[in-house]
Amino acid sequence: MKIAQFKTPGAPSVLEYMEVPIPPLKDGEVLVKAQAIGVGMPDILIRQGKYNWMPPLPAAPGTEMSGTIEQVGPGTTLKVGQRVVVSAREREHRGGCYAEYNATPESSVYALPDGADMDEAAALANYQVAFHLLYDCVHVKKGQSVLVYGAAGGCGSALVDLARGAGLEVIGICSGAEKAAFVKSLGAAHVIDRGAGNLFDAINMTLGRKGVDIVFDIVGGKDFTRNFELLGRYGTLVSYGQLGGPVQGDVFAAMRKQTARNLALRTFTMHIFDHWPERRKEGMRWLIERLGTHEIKPRIHGHLPLAQARQAHELFESGAVMGKLLLKP
């Protein structure tokens, strides 16, 4: 089978497209033939050697893939020919999905309903993050308002989609007119282009005096503490990434400046569910059910052949991807 893997962490150029034997099945494993493979931030971190949950080298990136069951090992209940999605979050090591075939424990495989699109199913890792942000991290309620940074990206667009479906007022932040139009098409009530003048002035003008209930920040960086200015009474700032670098400034002092609003700060990582796997599975089943009924619709940026995994990583790191980028074997 063909696989995209690397021997030494580094730039996209370390990824090699090569042929290796199809792995034999162990007890409790199934062999999945890939149809679509998601590209995401964990893949980049694995390739760079910066991920705390690194697979052993040589390694293939890849958190998620959709496909069909090709073979089943002893002690499994899935059937040959079933359409499924594979999640590396259910395995000891992350990665491993940049391959034509994937031998994986049955516990990491979810059966797909007939109505589920196979390409969209390969975008569910982002929706997992969004689901747990909304329903475990802050417990949103219909009618609340949320501000989403990076709203055109994989996790950001998933947040906009799920938040809109939950009856929330969504304000999306992105860069450029093309991304702004994309976020608007997702159902955001307001979209702010961070490149068109002073970002915080534009946000405050959009919000007026009321502020928002929740800010989802994936950026971090030097302006992180200014988010407290955007929150309304009992508002919550959620930090779930640092794409703009480590948070700078005195976070507690910034909160105290807005003390009359009784604000809160939460941090979030999907890895809390490494110790709470039953909740992670519950969330994934919830998403798959709604994928089958088209209540959620992951947006696909485009497709590249698995042989072009290097180019896929370069495109992802350029910031040009809107929604989900997929690899096709």
Protein backbone atom coordinates (compact mmCIF):
# COMPACT_ATOMS: atom_id res chain seq x y z
CA MET A 1 0.00 0.00 0.00
CA LYS A 2 1.00 3.64 -0.39
CA ILE A 3 1.71 5.78 2.66
CA ALA A 4 2.95 9.31 3.39
CA GLN A 5 5.33 9.19 6.33
CA PHE A 6 8.53 10.68 7.71
CA LYS A 7 11.61 9.34 9.46
CA THR A 8 12.81 12.59 11.02
CA PRO A 9 10.54 15.49 12.10
CA GLY A 10 10.83 18.76 10.21
CA ALA A 11 9.40 20.82 7.36
CA PRO A 12 6.82 19.44 4.88
CA SER A 13 9.70 18.18 2.75
CA VAL A 14 10.36 15.36 5.28
CA LEU A 15 7.15 13.63 4.18
CA GLU A 16 7.88 10.74 1.85
CA TYR A 17 5.36 8.96 -0.35
CA MET A 18 6.31 5.29 -0.47
CA GLU A 19 5.08 1.74 -0.65
CA VAL A 20 4.97 -0.51 2.41
CA PRO A 21 3.30 -3.86 3.15
CA ILE A 22 -0.33 -3.81 4.24
CA PRO A 23 -0.15 -4.51 7.99
CA PRO A 24 -1.50 -7.83 9.22
CA LEU A 25 -4.50 -7.75 11.51
CA LYS A 26 -4.29 -8.48 15.22
CA ASP A 27 -7.13 -9.67 17.41
CA GLY A 28 -9.77 -6.97 17.73
CA GLU A 29 -8.57 -5.04 14.66
CA VAL A 30 -10.14 -4.23 11.31
CA LEU A 31 -8.52 -3.15 8.03
CA VAL A 32 -10.05 0.00 6.56
CA LYS A 33 -9.53 1.03 2.96
CA ALA A 34 -9.31 4.83 2.91
CA GLN A 35 -11.63 7.03 0.87
CA ALA A 36 -10.85 10.45 2.38
CA ILE A 37 -8.20 11.57 4.88
CA GLY A 38 -8.48 14.77 6.89
CA VAL A 39 -5.61 17.27 7.21
CA GLY A 40 -5.44 19.18 10.49
CA MET A 41 -3.24 20.96 12.99
CA PRO A 42 -2.31 17.79 14.94
CA ASP A 43 -0.85 16.43 11.69
CA ILE A 44 1.39 19.47 11.39
CA LEU A 45 2.57 19.15 14.99
CA ILE A 46 3.27 15.44 14.54
CA ARG A 47 5.31 16.13 11.42
CA GLN A 48 7.23 18.84 13.27
CA GLY A 49 7.89 16.50 16.20
CA LYS A 50 6.19 18.93 18.61
CA TYR A 51 3.18 16.85 19.61
CA ASN A 52 3.04 15.42 23.11
CA TRP A 53 1.24 12.34 21.77
CA MET A 54 3.75 11.43 19.05
CA PRO A 55 3.57 8.05 17.32
CA PRO A 56 6.82 6.07 17.13
CA LEU A 57 9.06 6.86 14.14
CA PRO A 58 8.90 6.37 11.23
CA ALA A 59 5.41 7.83 11.44
CA ALA A 60 2.52 8.86 9.25
CA PRO A 61 0.43 11.86 10.34
CA GLY A 62 -3.35 11.74 10.20
CA THR A 63 -6.00 11.94 12.92
CA GLU A 64 -9.01 10.90 10.86
CA MET A 65 -10.09 9.06 7.74
CA SER A 66 -13.25 7.67 6.21
CA GLY A 67 -13.37 4.41 4.27
CA THR A 68 -14.78 0.92 4.04
CA ILE A 69 -14.00 -2.23 6.00
CA GLU A 70 -11.75 -4.45 3.86
CA GLN A 71 -10.96 -7.20 6.37
CA VAL A 72 -11.92 -8.04 9.95
CA GLY A 73 -9.75 -9.70 12.57
CA PRO A 74 -10.76 -12.20 15.25
CA GLY A 75 -13.06 -10.85 17.95
CA THR A 76 -14.60 -8.00 15.92
CA THR A 77 -18.24 -7.21 15.22
CA LEU A 78 -17.98 -4.90 12.19
CA LYS A 79 -18.62 -6.36 8.73
CA VAL A 80 -16.64 -6.26 5.48
CA GLY A 81 -18.02 -3.51 3.24
CA GLN A 82 -19.30 -1.27 6.05
CA ARG A 83 -18.70 2.46 5.63
CA VAL A 84 -16.83 3.85 8.62
CA VAL A 85 -14.76 6.69 10.00
CA VAL A 86 -11.50 6.04 11.87
CA SER A 87 -10.43 8.33 14.73
CA ALA A 88 -6.84 8.20 15.96
CA ARG A 89 -8.08 9.91 19.12
CA GLU A 90 -9.30 6.48 20.19
CA ARG A 91 -5.81 4.95 19.88
CA GLU A 92 -2.76 4.99 22.12
CA HIS A 93 -0.78 7.05 19.59
CA ARG A 94 -2.09 9.80 17.31
CA GLY A 95 -1.43 9.85 13.58
CA GLY A 96 -1.29 6.92 11.19
CA CYS A 97 -4.11 7.85 8.79
CA TYR A 98 -2.04 9.08 5.81
CA ALA A 99 -2.23 5.66 4.17
CA GLU A 100 -4.29 3.69 1.66
CA TYR A 101 -5.12 1.11 4.32
CA ASN A 102 -5.36 1.38 8.08
CA ALA A 103 -5.19 -1.58 10.47
CA THR A 104 -6.80 -0.23 13.61
CA PRO A 105 -8.59 -1.43 16.76
CA GLU A 106 -12.32 -1.77 16.26
CA SER A 107 -12.73 0.60 19.23
CA SER A 108 -11.34 3.44 17.06
CA VAL A 109 -13.89 2.87 14.28
CA TYR A 110 -17.39 4.33 14.00
CA ALA A 111 -19.96 2.98 11.57
CA LEU A 112 -21.55 5.60 9.31
CA PRO A 113 -25.28 5.82 8.53
CA ASP A 114 -26.43 5.60 4.93
CA GLY A 115 -27.03 9.34 4.65
CA ALA A 116 -23.53 10.37 5.73
CA ASP A 117 -21.19 11.82 3.11
CA MET A 118 -17.78 10.11 3.18
CA ASP A 119 -15.80 13.29 2.54
CA GLU A 120 -17.69 15.18 5.25
CA ALA A 121 -17.11 12.27 7.65
CA ALA A 122 -13.35 12.82 7.29
CA ALA A 123 -13.82 16.32 8.75
CA LEU A 124 -15.37 15.25 12.05
CA ALA A 125 -12.22 15.74 14.17
CA ASN A 126 -12.79 19.50 13.94
CA TYR A 127 -16.44 19.02 14.86
CA GLN A 128 -15.41 17.00 17.90
CA VAL A 129 -13.46 20.01 19.19
CA ALA A 130 -16.38 22.33 18.48
CA PHE A 131 -18.92 20.01 20.12
CA HIS A 132 -16.98 19.74 23.37
CA LEU A 133 -16.22 23.46 23.43
CA LEU A 134 -19.93 24.23 23.20
CA TYR A 135 -21.42 21.50 25.36
CA ASP A 136 -18.75 20.54 27.91
CA CYS A 137 -16.47 23.55 28.24
CA VAL A 138 -19.13 26.27 28.54
CA HIS A 139 -22.58 24.56 28.32
CA VAL A 140 -24.14 27.00 25.86
CA LYS A 141 -27.83 27.93 25.90
CA LYS A 142 -30.07 28.93 23.02
CA GLY A 143 -30.08 32.69 22.49
CA GLN A 144 -26.54 33.31 23.74
CA SER A 145 -23.99 35.16 21.64
CA VAL A 146 -20.55 33.79 20.76
CA LEU A 147 -17.53 35.33 19.08
CA VAL A 148 -15.35 32.92 17.11
CA TYR A 149 -11.78 33.71 16.06
CA GLY A 150 -10.41 31.93 13.01
CA ALA A 151 -13.98 31.34 11.89
CA ALA A 152 -13.01 30.24 8.37
CA GLY A 153 -10.63 27.49 9.55
CA GLY A 154 -11.39 23.86 10.29
CA CYS A 155 -12.32 24.20 13.96
CA GLY A 156 -13.66 27.73 13.53
CA SER A 157 -16.05 26.81 10.74
CA ALA A 158 -17.21 23.79 12.73
CA LEU A 159 -17.89 26.06 15.71
CA VAL A 160 -19.91 28.45 13.56
CA ASP A 161 -21.93 25.58 12.08
CA LEU A 162 -22.70 23.92 15.42
CA ALA A 163 -23.34 27.21 17.23
CA ARG A 164 -25.76 28.38 14.56
CA GLY A 165 -27.56 25.04 14.76
CA ALA A 166 -27.83 25.45 18.55
CA GLY A 167 -29.65 28.76 18.16
CA LEU A 168 -26.72 31.00 19.10
CA GLU A 169 -25.90 34.41 17.64
CA VAL A 170 -22.48 34.00 16.00
CA ILE A 171 -19.92 36.71 15.32
CA GLY A 172 -17.11 35.35 13.16
CA ILE A 173 -13.60 36.81 12.90
CA CYS A 174 -11.49 36.04 9.83
CA SER A 175 -9.03 37.62 7.39
CA GLY A 176 -9.95 38.83 3.91
CA ALA A 177 -13.09 39.27 1.84
CA GLU A 178 -13.10 35.69 0.52
CA LYS A 179 -13.01 34.21 4.00
CA ALA A 180 -15.59 36.72 5.23
CA ALA A 181 -18.00 35.59 2.50
CA PHE A 182 -17.31 31.96 3.42
CA VAL A 183 -18.05 32.54 7.12
CA LYS A 184 -21.22 34.42 6.22
CA SER A 185 -22.33 31.42 4.15
CA LEU A 186 -22.00 29.25 7.26
CA GLY A 187 -24.74 31.24 8.94
CA ALA A 188 -22.80 33.73 11.08
CA ALA A 189 -24.94 36.72 12.04
CA HIS A 190 -21.97 39.08 11.77
CA VAL A 191 -18.54 38.70 10.16
CA ILE A 192 -15.57 40.95 10.91
CA ASP A 193 -12.50 41.09 8.68
CA ARG A 194 -9.53 41.45 11.05
CA GLY A 195 -7.49 43.05 8.27
CA ALA A 196 -9.91 45.93 7.64
CA GLY A 197 -8.85 48.48 10.27
CA ASN A 198 -8.68 48.23 14.06
CA LEU A 199 -10.05 44.81 14.99
CA PHE A 200 -11.28 45.63 18.49
CA ASP A 201 -12.92 48.88 17.37
CA ALA A 202 -14.75 46.92 14.68
CA ILE A 203 -15.84 44.25 17.15
CA ASN A 204 -17.07 46.79 19.70
CA MET A 205 -18.97 48.65 16.99
CA THR A 206 -20.68 45.40 16.00
CA LEU A 207 -21.47 44.38 19.57
CA GLY A 208 -22.56 47.77 20.85
CA ARG A 209 -22.63 47.98 24.64
CA LYS A 210 -23.97 44.53 25.43
CA GLY A 211 -20.84 42.44 24.85
CA VAL A 212 -20.92 38.72 24.05
CA ASP A 213 -21.56 35.75 26.30
CA ILE A 214 -18.59 33.69 25.08
CA VAL A 215 -15.38 34.34 23.16
CA PHE A 216 -13.66 31.31 21.60
CA ASP A 217 -10.01 32.26 21.09
CA ILE A 218 -7.65 30.03 19.11
CA VAL A 219 -5.12 32.82 18.55
CA GLY A 220 -3.58 33.79 21.90
CA GLY A 221 -0.70 36.21 21.33
CA LYS A 222 -0.20 39.79 22.38
CA ASP A 223 -3.83 40.93 22.18
CA PHE A 224 -5.36 38.03 24.09
CA THR A 225 -6.21 40.01 27.24
CA ARG A 226 -8.22 42.56 25.24
CA ASN A 227 -10.88 39.89 24.81
CA PHE A 228 -12.10 40.63 28.33
CA GLU A 229 -13.28 44.02 27.03
CA LEU A 230 -15.65 42.23 24.65
CA LEU A 231 -17.53 40.15 27.20
CA GLY A 232 -20.88 40.97 28.73
CA ARG A 233 -22.02 40.16 32.26
CA TYR A 234 -20.90 36.71 33.40
CA GLY A 235 -19.13 36.30 30.07
CA THR A 236 -16.55 33.58 29.49
CA LEU A 237 -13.32 33.71 27.51
CA VAL A 238 -12.23 30.28 26.24
CA SER A 239 -8.62 29.75 25.13
CA TYR A 240 -8.16 26.62 23.01
CA GLY A 241 -5.08 27.43 20.92
CA GLN A 242 -2.15 29.77 20.47
CA LEU A 243 -1.80 30.15 16.71
CA GLY A 244 -0.60 33.71 17.25
CA GLY A 245 1.99 32.68 19.84
CA PRO A 246 1.93 32.42 23.63
CA VAL A 247 -0.47 34.65 25.56
CA GLN A 248 1.15 37.92 26.60
CA GLY A 249 0.23 40.38 29.31
CA ASP A 250 -1.20 40.10 32.83
CA VAL A 251 -4.33 38.01 32.35
CA PHE A 252 -5.65 38.40 35.89
CA ALA A 253 -5.12 42.16 35.89
CA ALA A 254 -7.07 42.40 32.63
CA MET A 255 -9.92 40.43 34.19
CA ARG A 256 -9.94 42.64 37.28
CA LYS A 257 -10.34 45.75 35.11
CA GLN A 258 -13.75 44.34 34.19
CA THR A 259 -14.54 43.10 37.69
CA ALA A 260 -18.12 44.42 37.70
CA ARG A 261 -18.99 41.95 34.92
CA ASN A 262 -17.98 38.82 36.89
CA LEU A 263 -15.98 37.34 34.00
CA ALA A 264 -14.48 33.87 33.66
CA LEU A 265 -11.54 32.34 31.80
CA ARG A 266 -11.36 28.70 30.73
CA THR A 267 -8.74 26.75 28.85
CA PHE A 268 -9.57 23.72 26.73
CA THR A 269 -7.84 20.75 25.14
CA MET A 270 -9.32 17.65 23.52
CA HIS A 271 -6.84 15.62 25.54
CA ILE A 272 -9.02 15.91 28.64
CA PHE A 273 -11.01 13.14 26.94
CA ASP A 274 -7.98 10.84 26.98
CA HIS A 275 -9.18 10.32 30.57
CA TRP A 276 -12.89 10.53 29.71
CA PRO A 277 -13.21 8.39 26.57
CA GLU A 278 -16.86 7.50 27.07
CA ARG A 279 -17.81 11.18 26.72
CA ARG A 280 -15.64 11.53 23.60
CA LYS A 281 -17.41 8.55 22.04
CA GLU A 282 -20.80 9.93 23.03
CA GLY A 283 -19.96 13.22 21.30
CA MET A 284 -18.73 11.47 18.16
CA ARG A 285 -21.91 9.39 17.92
CA TRP A 286 -23.99 12.58 18.32
CA LEU A 287 -22.10 14.18 15.43
CA ILE A 288 -22.32 11.12 13.17
CA GLU A 289 -26.08 10.93 13.70
CA ARG A 290 -26.47 14.57 12.62
CA LEU A 291 -24.10 14.09 9.72
CA GLY A 292 -26.42 11.38 8.47
CA THR A 293 -29.46 13.66 8.71
CA HIS A 294 -27.54 16.66 7.26
CA GLU A 295 -28.11 18.76 10.37
CA ILE A 296 -24.39 19.51 10.25
CA LYS A 297 -22.43 20.05 7.05
CA PRO A 298 -18.62 20.20 7.19
CA ARG A 299 -17.32 22.41 4.39
CA ILE A 300 -14.63 20.86 2.21
CA HIS A 301 -11.92 23.24 0.96
CA GLY A 302 -10.65 20.79 -1.63
CA HIS A 303 -8.87 17.53 -2.32
CA LEU A 304 -5.26 16.60 -3.01
CA PRO A 305 -3.85 13.16 -3.80
CA LEU A 306 -2.15 11.38 -0.90
CA ALA A 307 1.01 11.57 -3.01
CA GLN A 308 0.88 15.36 -2.49
CA ALA A 309 0.86 15.29 1.32
CA ARG A 310 3.78 17.73 1.35
CA GLN A 311 1.83 20.25 -0.71
CA ALA A 312 -1.20 19.72 1.52
CA HIS A 313 0.85 20.67 4.59
CA GLU A 314 2.28 23.70 2.82
CA LEU A 315 -1.21 24.82 1.84
CA PHE A 316 -2.53 24.27 5.37
CA GLU A 317 0.32 26.24 6.94
CA SER A 318 -0.20 29.11 4.49
CA GLY A 319 -3.52 29.88 6.19
CA ALA A 320 -5.43 29.67 2.90
CA VAL A 321 -7.61 26.67 3.82
CA MET A 322 -11.28 27.38 4.47
CA GLY A 323 -13.08 24.50 6.15
CA LYS A 324 -11.44 21.09 5.70
CA LEU A 325 -8.65 20.03 3.36
CA LEU A 326 -8.73 16.36 2.38
CA LEU A 327 -6.26 13.87 0.96
CA LYS A 328 -7.44 11.18 -1.46
CA PRO A 329 -5.59 7.87 -1.82
